[in-house]
mmCIF file of all heavy atoms, coordinates in Angstrom:
data_MODEL
# 
_entry.id   MODEL 
# 
loop_
_atom_site.group_PDB 
_atom_site.id 
_atom_site.type_symbol 
_atom_site.label_atom_id 
_atom_site.label_alt_id 
_atom_site.label_comp_id 
_atom_site.label_asym_id 
_atom_site.label_entity_id 
_atom_site.label_seq_id 
_atom_site.pdbx_PDB_ins_code 
_atom_site.Cartn_x 
_atom_site.Cartn_y 
_atom_site.Cartn_z 
_atom_site.occupancy 
_atom_site.B_iso_or_equiv 
_atom_site.pdbx_formal_charge 
_atom_site.auth_seq_id 
_atom_site.auth_comp_id 
_atom_site.auth_asym_id 
_atom_site.auth_atom_id 
_atom_site.pdbx_PDB_model_num 
ATOM 1   N N   . THR A 1 1  ? 4.545  78.694 73.216 1.00 0.00 ? 1  THR A N   1 
ATOM 2   C CA  . THR A 1 1  ? 4.304  77.663 72.199 1.00 0.00 ? 1  THR A CA  1 
ATOM 3   C C   . THR A 1 1  ? 2.874  77.156 72.308 1.00 0.00 ? 1  THR A C   1 
ATOM 4   O O   . THR A 1 1  ? 2.167  77.022 71.295 1.00 0.00 ? 1  THR A O   1 
ATOM 5   C CB  . THR A 1 1  ? 5.318  76.510 72.364 1.00 0.00 ? 1  THR A CB  1 
ATOM 6   O OG1 . THR A 1 1  ? 6.639  77.041 72.231 1.00 0.00 ? 1  THR A OG1 1 
ATOM 7   C CG2 . THR A 1 1  ? 5.091  75.423 71.323 1.00 0.00 ? 1  THR A CG2 1 
ATOM 8   N N   . ASP A 1 2  ? 2.410  76.905 73.523 1.00 0.00 ? 2  ASP A N   1 
ATOM 9   C CA  . ASP A 1 2  ? 1.032  76.464 73.733 1.00 0.00 ? 2  ASP A CA  1 
ATOM 10  C C   . ASP A 1 2  ? 0.026  77.521 73.275 1.00 0.00 ? 2  ASP A C   1 
ATOM 11  O O   . ASP A 1 2  ? -1.049 77.182 72.761 1.00 0.00 ? 2  ASP A O   1 
ATOM 12  C CB  . ASP A 1 2  ? 0.790  76.121 75.202 1.00 0.00 ? 2  ASP A CB  1 
ATOM 13  C CG  . ASP A 1 2  ? 1.459  74.822 75.629 1.00 0.00 ? 2  ASP A CG  1 
ATOM 14  O OD1 . ASP A 1 2  ? 1.907  74.039 74.758 1.00 0.00 ? 2  ASP A OD1 1 
ATOM 15  O OD2 . ASP A 1 2  ? 1.551  74.599 76.863 1.00 0.00 ? 2  ASP A OD2 1 
ATOM 16  N N   . ALA A 1 3  ? 0.351  78.805 73.433 1.00 0.00 ? 3  ALA A N   1 
ATOM 17  C CA  . ALA A 1 3  ? -0.528 79.887 72.975 1.00 0.00 ? 3  ALA A CA  1 
ATOM 18  C C   . ALA A 1 3  ? -0.718 79.816 71.462 1.00 0.00 ? 3  ALA A C   1 
ATOM 19  O O   . ALA A 1 3  ? -1.831 80.009 70.956 1.00 0.00 ? 3  ALA A O   1 
ATOM 20  C CB  . ALA A 1 3  ? 0.056  81.246 73.379 1.00 0.00 ? 3  ALA A CB  1 
ATOM 21  N N   . LEU A 1 4  ? 0.343  79.536 70.755 1.00 0.00 ? 4  LEU A N   1 
ATOM 22  C CA  . LEU A 1 4  ? 0.281  79.391 69.300 1.00 0.00 ? 4  LEU A CA  1 
ATOM 23  C C   . LEU A 1 4  ? -0.561 78.166 68.926 1.00 0.00 ? 4  LEU A C   1 
ATOM 24  O O   . LEU A 1 4  ? -1.406 78.226 68.022 1.00 0.00 ? 4  LEU A O   1 
ATOM 25  C CB  . LEU A 1 4  ? 1.699  79.270 68.745 1.00 0.00 ? 4  LEU A CB  1 
ATOM 26  C CG  . LEU A 1 4  ? 1.856  79.299 67.242 1.00 0.00 ? 4  LEU A CG  1 
ATOM 27  C CD1 . LEU A 1 4  ? 1.554  80.693 66.705 1.00 0.00 ? 4  LEU A CD1 1 
ATOM 28  C CD2 . LEU A 1 4  ? 3.257  78.875 66.850 1.00 0.00 ? 4  LEU A CD2 1 
ATOM 29  N N   . VAL A 1 5  ? -0.366 77.089 69.646 1.00 0.00 ? 5  VAL A N   1 
ATOM 30  C CA  . VAL A 1 5  ? -1.106 75.851 69.394 1.00 0.00 ? 5  VAL A CA  1 
ATOM 31  C C   . VAL A 1 5  ? -2.601 76.052 69.640 1.00 0.00 ? 5  VAL A C   1 
ATOM 32  O O   . VAL A 1 5  ? -3.432 75.507 68.911 1.00 0.00 ? 5  VAL A O   1 
ATOM 33  C CB  . VAL A 1 5  ? -0.529 74.689 70.242 1.00 0.00 ? 5  VAL A CB  1 
ATOM 34  C CG1 . VAL A 1 5  ? -1.440 73.471 70.225 1.00 0.00 ? 5  VAL A CG1 1 
ATOM 35  C CG2 . VAL A 1 5  ? 0.867  74.332 69.746 1.00 0.00 ? 5  VAL A CG2 1 
ATOM 36  N N   . ARG A 1 6  ? -2.969 76.860 70.628 1.00 0.00 ? 6  ARG A N   1 
ATOM 37  C CA  . ARG A 1 6  ? -4.395 77.128 70.891 1.00 0.00 ? 6  ARG A CA  1 
ATOM 38  C C   . ARG A 1 6  ? -5.072 77.773 69.696 1.00 0.00 ? 6  ARG A C   1 
ATOM 39  O O   . ARG A 1 6  ? -6.260 77.570 69.461 1.00 0.00 ? 6  ARG A O   1 
ATOM 40  C CB  . ARG A 1 6  ? -4.559 78.011 72.123 1.00 0.00 ? 6  ARG A CB  1 
ATOM 41  C CG  . ARG A 1 6  ? -4.461 77.257 73.434 1.00 0.00 ? 6  ARG A CG  1 
ATOM 42  C CD  . ARG A 1 6  ? -4.933 78.083 74.621 1.00 0.00 ? 6  ARG A CD  1 
ATOM 43  N NE  . ARG A 1 6  ? -4.062 79.184 74.947 1.00 0.00 ? 6  ARG A NE  1 
ATOM 44  C CZ  . ARG A 1 6  ? -2.977 79.091 75.711 1.00 0.00 ? 6  ARG A CZ  1 
ATOM 45  N NH1 . ARG A 1 6  ? -2.607 77.923 76.196 1.00 0.00 ? 6  ARG A NH1 1 
ATOM 46  N NH2 . ARG A 1 6  ? -2.246 80.149 75.967 1.00 0.00 ? 6  ARG A NH2 1 
ATOM 47  N N   . VAL A 1 7  ? -4.337 78.547 68.920 1.00 0.00 ? 7  VAL A N   1 
ATOM 48  C CA  . VAL A 1 7  ? -4.922 79.234 67.764 1.00 0.00 ? 7  VAL A CA  1 
ATOM 49  C C   . VAL A 1 7  ? -4.829 78.372 66.505 1.00 0.00 ? 7  VAL A C   1 
ATOM 50  O O   . VAL A 1 7  ? -5.786 78.278 65.746 1.00 0.00 ? 7  VAL A O   1 
ATOM 51  C CB  . VAL A 1 7  ? -4.244 80.600 67.539 1.00 0.00 ? 7  VAL A CB  1 
ATOM 52  C CG1 . VAL A 1 7  ? -4.771 81.275 66.275 1.00 0.00 ? 7  VAL A CG1 1 
ATOM 53  C CG2 . VAL A 1 7  ? -4.456 81.500 68.756 1.00 0.00 ? 7  VAL A CG2 1 
ATOM 54  N N   . TYR A 1 8  ? -3.686 77.726 66.268 1.00 0.00 ? 8  TYR A N   1 
ATOM 55  C CA  . TYR A 1 8  ? -3.447 77.026 65.002 1.00 0.00 ? 8  TYR A CA  1 
ATOM 56  C C   . TYR A 1 8  ? -3.475 75.507 65.091 1.00 0.00 ? 8  TYR A C   1 
ATOM 57  O O   . TYR A 1 8  ? -3.355 74.834 64.073 1.00 0.00 ? 8  TYR A O   1 
ATOM 58  C CB  . TYR A 1 8  ? -2.105 77.457 64.415 1.00 0.00 ? 8  TYR A CB  1 
ATOM 59  C CG  . TYR A 1 8  ? -2.123 78.871 63.924 1.00 0.00 ? 8  TYR A CG  1 
ATOM 60  C CD1 . TYR A 1 8  ? -1.367 79.849 64.541 1.00 0.00 ? 8  TYR A CD1 1 
ATOM 61  C CD2 . TYR A 1 8  ? -2.900 79.238 62.830 1.00 0.00 ? 8  TYR A CD2 1 
ATOM 62  C CE1 . TYR A 1 8  ? -1.388 81.157 64.086 1.00 0.00 ? 8  TYR A CE1 1 
ATOM 63  C CE2 . TYR A 1 8  ? -2.933 80.539 62.375 1.00 0.00 ? 8  TYR A CE2 1 
ATOM 64  C CZ  . TYR A 1 8  ? -2.172 81.492 63.008 1.00 0.00 ? 8  TYR A CZ  1 
ATOM 65  O OH  . TYR A 1 8  ? -2.201 82.782 62.546 1.00 0.00 ? 8  TYR A OH  1 
ATOM 66  N N   . GLY A 1 9  ? -3.596 74.968 66.278 1.00 0.00 ? 9  GLY A N   1 
ATOM 67  C CA  . GLY A 1 9  ? -3.613 73.523 66.410 1.00 0.00 ? 9  GLY A CA  1 
ATOM 68  C C   . GLY A 1 9  ? -2.222 72.952 66.631 1.00 0.00 ? 9  GLY A C   1 
ATOM 69  O O   . GLY A 1 9  ? -1.209 73.642 66.510 1.00 0.00 ? 9  GLY A O   1 
ATOM 70  N N   . GLU A 1 10 ? -2.203 71.677 66.935 1.00 0.00 ? 10 GLU A N   1 
ATOM 71  C CA  . GLU A 1 10 ? -0.972 70.988 67.315 1.00 0.00 ? 10 GLU A CA  1 
ATOM 72  C C   . GLU A 1 10 ? 0.104  71.045 66.226 1.00 0.00 ? 10 GLU A C   1 
ATOM 73  O O   . GLU A 1 10 ? 1.291  71.019 66.527 1.00 0.00 ? 10 GLU A O   1 
ATOM 74  C CB  . GLU A 1 10 ? -1.292 69.541 67.688 1.00 0.00 ? 10 GLU A CB  1 
ATOM 75  C CG  . GLU A 1 10 ? -0.201 68.823 68.422 1.00 0.00 ? 10 GLU A CG  1 
ATOM 76  C CD  . GLU A 1 10 ? 0.193  69.477 69.745 1.00 0.00 ? 10 GLU A CD  1 
ATOM 77  O OE1 . GLU A 1 10 ? -0.683 69.931 70.511 1.00 0.00 ? 10 GLU A OE1 1 
ATOM 78  O OE2 . GLU A 1 10 ? 1.411  69.522 70.017 1.00 0.00 ? 10 GLU A OE2 1 
ATOM 79  N N   . ARG A 1 11 ? -0.287 71.155 64.961 1.00 0.00 ? 11 ARG A N   1 
ATOM 80  C CA  . ARG A 1 11 ? 0.698  71.200 63.869 1.00 0.00 ? 11 ARG A CA  1 
ATOM 81  C C   . ARG A 1 11 ? 1.666  72.374 64.011 1.00 0.00 ? 11 ARG A C   1 
ATOM 82  O O   . ARG A 1 11 ? 2.774  72.340 63.491 1.00 0.00 ? 11 ARG A O   1 
ATOM 83  C CB  . ARG A 1 11 ? -0.001 71.248 62.522 1.00 0.00 ? 11 ARG A CB  1 
ATOM 84  C CG  . ARG A 1 11 ? -0.729 72.559 62.261 1.00 0.00 ? 11 ARG A CG  1 
ATOM 85  C CD  . ARG A 1 11 ? -1.520 72.536 60.963 1.00 0.00 ? 11 ARG A CD  1 
ATOM 86  N NE  . ARG A 1 11 ? -2.113 73.807 60.666 1.00 0.00 ? 11 ARG A NE  1 
ATOM 87  C CZ  . ARG A 1 11 ? -3.261 74.252 61.148 1.00 0.00 ? 11 ARG A CZ  1 
ATOM 88  N NH1 . ARG A 1 11 ? -3.956 73.501 61.981 1.00 0.00 ? 11 ARG A NH1 1 
ATOM 89  N NH2 . ARG A 1 11 ? -3.731 75.428 60.820 1.00 0.00 ? 11 ARG A NH2 1 
ATOM 90  N N   . ALA A 1 12 ? 1.271  73.420 64.731 1.00 0.00 ? 12 ALA A N   1 
ATOM 91  C CA  . ALA A 1 12 ? 2.110  74.617 64.882 1.00 0.00 ? 12 ALA A CA  1 
ATOM 92  C C   . ALA A 1 12 ? 3.233  74.415 65.895 1.00 0.00 ? 12 ALA A C   1 
ATOM 93  O O   . ALA A 1 12 ? 4.231  75.140 65.869 1.00 0.00 ? 12 ALA A O   1 
ATOM 94  C CB  . ALA A 1 12 ? 1.253  75.811 65.292 1.00 0.00 ? 12 ALA A CB  1 
ATOM 95  N N   . ARG A 1 13 ? 3.104  73.437 66.780 1.00 0.00 ? 13 ARG A N   1 
ATOM 96  C CA  . ARG A 1 13 ? 4.073  73.255 67.865 1.00 0.00 ? 13 ARG A CA  1 
ATOM 97  C C   . ARG A 1 13 ? 5.501  73.088 67.341 1.00 0.00 ? 13 ARG A C   1 
ATOM 98  O O   . ARG A 1 13 ? 6.429  73.735 67.806 1.00 0.00 ? 13 ARG A O   1 
ATOM 99  C CB  . ARG A 1 13 ? 3.702  72.061 68.743 1.00 0.00 ? 13 ARG A CB  1 
ATOM 100 C CG  . ARG A 1 13 ? 4.642  71.869 69.922 1.00 0.00 ? 13 ARG A CG  1 
ATOM 101 C CD  . ARG A 1 13 ? 4.187  70.756 70.859 1.00 0.00 ? 13 ARG A CD  1 
ATOM 102 N NE  . ARG A 1 13 ? 2.844  70.955 71.360 1.00 0.00 ? 13 ARG A NE  1 
ATOM 103 C CZ  . ARG A 1 13 ? 2.511  71.776 72.355 1.00 0.00 ? 13 ARG A CZ  1 
ATOM 104 N NH1 . ARG A 1 13 ? 3.448  72.486 72.962 1.00 0.00 ? 13 ARG A NH1 1 
ATOM 105 N NH2 . ARG A 1 13 ? 1.257  71.895 72.748 1.00 0.00 ? 13 ARG A NH2 1 
ATOM 106 N N   . ALA A 1 14 ? 5.693  72.214 66.372 1.00 0.00 ? 14 ALA A N   1 
ATOM 107 C CA  . ALA A 1 14 ? 7.042  71.905 65.881 1.00 0.00 ? 14 ALA A CA  1 
ATOM 108 C C   . ALA A 1 14 ? 7.683  73.086 65.155 1.00 0.00 ? 14 ALA A C   1 
ATOM 109 O O   . ALA A 1 14 ? 8.904  73.135 65.015 1.00 0.00 ? 14 ALA A O   1 
ATOM 110 C CB  . ALA A 1 14 ? 6.987  70.693 64.954 1.00 0.00 ? 14 ALA A CB  1 
ATOM 111 N N   . MET A 1 15 ? 6.874  74.040 64.719 1.00 0.00 ? 15 MET A N   1 
ATOM 112 C CA  . MET A 1 15 ? 7.405  75.187 63.983 1.00 0.00 ? 15 MET A CA  1 
ATOM 113 C C   . MET A 1 15 ? 7.732  76.387 64.874 1.00 0.00 ? 15 MET A C   1 
ATOM 114 O O   . MET A 1 15 ? 8.411  77.315 64.439 1.00 0.00 ? 15 MET A O   1 
ATOM 115 C CB  . MET A 1 15 ? 6.397  75.626 62.915 1.00 0.00 ? 15 MET A CB  1 
ATOM 116 C CG  . MET A 1 15 ? 6.146  74.577 61.852 1.00 0.00 ? 15 MET A CG  1 
ATOM 117 S SD  . MET A 1 15 ? 4.985  75.165 60.608 1.00 0.00 ? 15 MET A SD  1 
ATOM 118 C CE  . MET A 1 15 ? 3.429  74.959 61.466 1.00 0.00 ? 15 MET A CE  1 
ATOM 119 N N   . ALA A 1 16 ? 7.244  76.394 66.098 1.00 0.00 ? 16 ALA A N   1 
ATOM 120 C CA  . ALA A 1 16 ? 7.388  77.561 66.976 1.00 0.00 ? 16 ALA A CA  1 
ATOM 121 C C   . ALA A 1 16 ? 8.833  77.756 67.431 1.00 0.00 ? 16 ALA A C   1 
ATOM 122 O O   . ALA A 1 16 ? 9.474  76.828 67.909 1.00 0.00 ? 16 ALA A O   1 
ATOM 123 C CB  . ALA A 1 16 ? 6.485  77.417 68.195 1.00 0.00 ? 16 ALA A CB  1 
ATOM 124 N N   . VAL A 1 17 ? 9.316  78.975 67.275 1.00 0.00 ? 17 VAL A N   1 
ATOM 125 C CA  . VAL A 1 17 ? 10.636 79.376 67.759 1.00 0.00 ? 17 VAL A CA  1 
ATOM 126 C C   . VAL A 1 17 ? 10.416 80.491 68.776 1.00 0.00 ? 17 VAL A C   1 
ATOM 127 O O   . VAL A 1 17 ? 9.655  81.431 68.524 1.00 0.00 ? 17 VAL A O   1 
ATOM 128 C CB  . VAL A 1 17 ? 11.522 79.893 66.602 1.00 0.00 ? 17 VAL A CB  1 
ATOM 129 C CG1 . VAL A 1 17 ? 12.836 80.432 67.122 1.00 0.00 ? 17 VAL A CG1 1 
ATOM 130 C CG2 . VAL A 1 17 ? 11.746 78.799 65.566 1.00 0.00 ? 17 VAL A CG2 1 
ATOM 131 N N   . VAL A 1 18 ? 11.074 80.400 69.929 1.00 0.00 ? 18 VAL A N   1 
ATOM 132 C CA  . VAL A 1 18 ? 10.944 81.416 70.980 1.00 0.00 ? 18 VAL A CA  1 
ATOM 133 C C   . VAL A 1 18 ? 12.338 81.867 71.387 1.00 0.00 ? 18 VAL A C   1 
ATOM 134 O O   . VAL A 1 18 ? 13.185 81.044 71.722 1.00 0.00 ? 18 VAL A O   1 
ATOM 135 C CB  . VAL A 1 18 ? 10.197 80.870 72.219 1.00 0.00 ? 18 VAL A CB  1 
ATOM 136 C CG1 . VAL A 1 18 ? 10.091 81.946 73.300 1.00 0.00 ? 18 VAL A CG1 1 
ATOM 137 C CG2 . VAL A 1 18 ? 8.817  80.332 71.838 1.00 0.00 ? 18 VAL A CG2 1 
ATOM 138 N N   . GLU A 1 19 ? 12.576 83.171 71.342 1.00 0.00 ? 19 GLU A N   1 
ATOM 139 C CA  . GLU A 1 19 ? 13.823 83.763 71.821 1.00 0.00 ? 19 GLU A CA  1 
ATOM 140 C C   . GLU A 1 19 ? 13.491 84.729 72.946 1.00 0.00 ? 19 GLU A C   1 
ATOM 141 O O   . GLU A 1 19 ? 12.587 85.555 72.812 1.00 0.00 ? 19 GLU A O   1 
ATOM 142 C CB  . GLU A 1 19 ? 14.532 84.531 70.711 1.00 0.00 ? 19 GLU A CB  1 
ATOM 143 C CG  . GLU A 1 19 ? 15.108 83.665 69.620 1.00 0.00 ? 19 GLU A CG  1 
ATOM 144 C CD  . GLU A 1 19 ? 15.865 84.512 68.617 1.00 0.00 ? 19 GLU A CD  1 
ATOM 145 O OE1 . GLU A 1 19 ? 15.229 85.334 67.943 1.00 0.00 ? 19 GLU A OE1 1 
ATOM 146 O OE2 . GLU A 1 19 ? 17.092 84.338 68.528 1.00 0.00 ? 19 GLU A OE2 1 
ATOM 147 N N   . LEU A 1 20 ? 14.227 84.620 74.041 1.00 0.00 ? 20 LEU A N   1 
ATOM 148 C CA  . LEU A 1 20 ? 14.035 85.500 75.189 1.00 0.00 ? 20 LEU A CA  1 
ATOM 149 C C   . LEU A 1 20 ? 15.236 86.428 75.303 1.00 0.00 ? 20 LEU A C   1 
ATOM 150 O O   . LEU A 1 20 ? 16.378 85.965 75.344 1.00 0.00 ? 20 LEU A O   1 
ATOM 151 C CB  . LEU A 1 20 ? 13.898 84.678 76.474 1.00 0.00 ? 20 LEU A CB  1 
ATOM 152 C CG  . LEU A 1 20 ? 12.823 83.586 76.462 1.00 0.00 ? 20 LEU A CG  1 
ATOM 153 C CD1 . LEU A 1 20 ? 12.853 82.806 77.764 1.00 0.00 ? 20 LEU A CD1 1 
ATOM 154 C CD2 . LEU A 1 20 ? 11.456 84.182 76.204 1.00 0.00 ? 20 LEU A CD2 1 
ATOM 155 N N   . PHE A 1 21 ? 14.971 87.716 75.367 1.00 0.00 ? 21 PHE A N   1 
ATOM 156 C CA  . PHE A 1 21 ? 16.018 88.724 75.488 1.00 0.00 ? 21 PHE A CA  1 
ATOM 157 C C   . PHE A 1 21 ? 15.855 89.438 76.821 1.00 0.00 ? 21 PHE A C   1 
ATOM 158 O O   . PHE A 1 21 ? 14.871 90.149 77.028 1.00 0.00 ? 21 PHE A O   1 
ATOM 159 C CB  . PHE A 1 21 ? 15.939 89.741 74.344 1.00 0.00 ? 21 PHE A CB  1 
ATOM 160 C CG  . PHE A 1 21 ? 16.151 89.138 72.991 1.00 0.00 ? 21 PHE A CG  1 
ATOM 161 C CD1 . PHE A 1 21 ? 15.084 88.708 72.225 1.00 0.00 ? 21 PHE A CD1 1 
ATOM 162 C CD2 . PHE A 1 21 ? 17.437 88.981 72.480 1.00 0.00 ? 21 PHE A CD2 1 
ATOM 163 C CE1 . PHE A 1 21 ? 15.282 88.133 70.975 1.00 0.00 ? 21 PHE A CE1 1 
ATOM 164 C CE2 . PHE A 1 21 ? 17.650 88.413 71.241 1.00 0.00 ? 21 PHE A CE2 1 
ATOM 165 C CZ  . PHE A 1 21 ? 16.567 87.987 70.482 1.00 0.00 ? 21 PHE A CZ  1 
ATOM 166 N N   . GLY A 1 22 ? 16.794 89.224 77.725 1.00 0.00 ? 22 GLY A N   1 
ATOM 167 C CA  . GLY A 1 22 ? 16.763 89.883 79.023 1.00 0.00 ? 22 GLY A CA  1 
ATOM 168 C C   . GLY A 1 22 ? 17.445 91.230 78.960 1.00 0.00 ? 22 GLY A C   1 
ATOM 169 O O   . GLY A 1 22 ? 18.574 91.340 78.481 1.00 0.00 ? 22 GLY A O   1 
ATOM 170 N N   . ILE A 1 23 ? 16.750 92.246 79.413 1.00 0.00 ? 23 ILE A N   1 
ATOM 171 C CA  . ILE A 1 23 ? 17.281 93.610 79.438 1.00 0.00 ? 23 ILE A CA  1 
ATOM 172 C C   . ILE A 1 23 ? 17.349 94.052 80.891 1.00 0.00 ? 23 ILE A C   1 
ATOM 173 O O   . ILE A 1 23 ? 16.327 94.035 81.593 1.00 0.00 ? 23 ILE A O   1 
ATOM 174 C CB  . ILE A 1 23 ? 16.388 94.568 78.620 1.00 0.00 ? 23 ILE A CB  1 
ATOM 175 C CG1 . ILE A 1 23 ? 16.269 94.066 77.170 1.00 0.00 ? 23 ILE A CG1 1 
ATOM 176 C CG2 . ILE A 1 23 ? 16.926 95.996 78.677 1.00 0.00 ? 23 ILE A CG2 1 
ATOM 177 C CD1 . ILE A 1 23 ? 15.234 94.776 76.346 1.00 0.00 ? 23 ILE A CD1 1 
ATOM 178 N N   . PRO A 1 24 ? 18.535 94.434 81.381 1.00 0.00 ? 24 PRO A N   1 
ATOM 179 C CA  . PRO A 1 24 ? 18.626 94.883 82.775 1.00 0.00 ? 24 PRO A CA  1 
ATOM 180 C C   . PRO A 1 24 ? 17.636 96.026 83.051 1.00 0.00 ? 24 PRO A C   1 
ATOM 181 O O   . PRO A 1 24 ? 17.444 96.919 82.215 1.00 0.00 ? 24 PRO A O   1 
ATOM 182 C CB  . PRO A 1 24 ? 20.069 95.362 82.901 1.00 0.00 ? 24 PRO A CB  1 
ATOM 183 C CG  . PRO A 1 24 ? 20.814 94.613 81.844 1.00 0.00 ? 24 PRO A CG  1 
ATOM 184 C CD  . PRO A 1 24 ? 19.829 94.478 80.703 1.00 0.00 ? 24 PRO A CD  1 
# 
């Protein structure tokens, strides 16, 4: 989320969605 904010500014924080998929 912070990586996105570094490029687009703080306004991007509330829009960021992160999904983590663990693969054995």
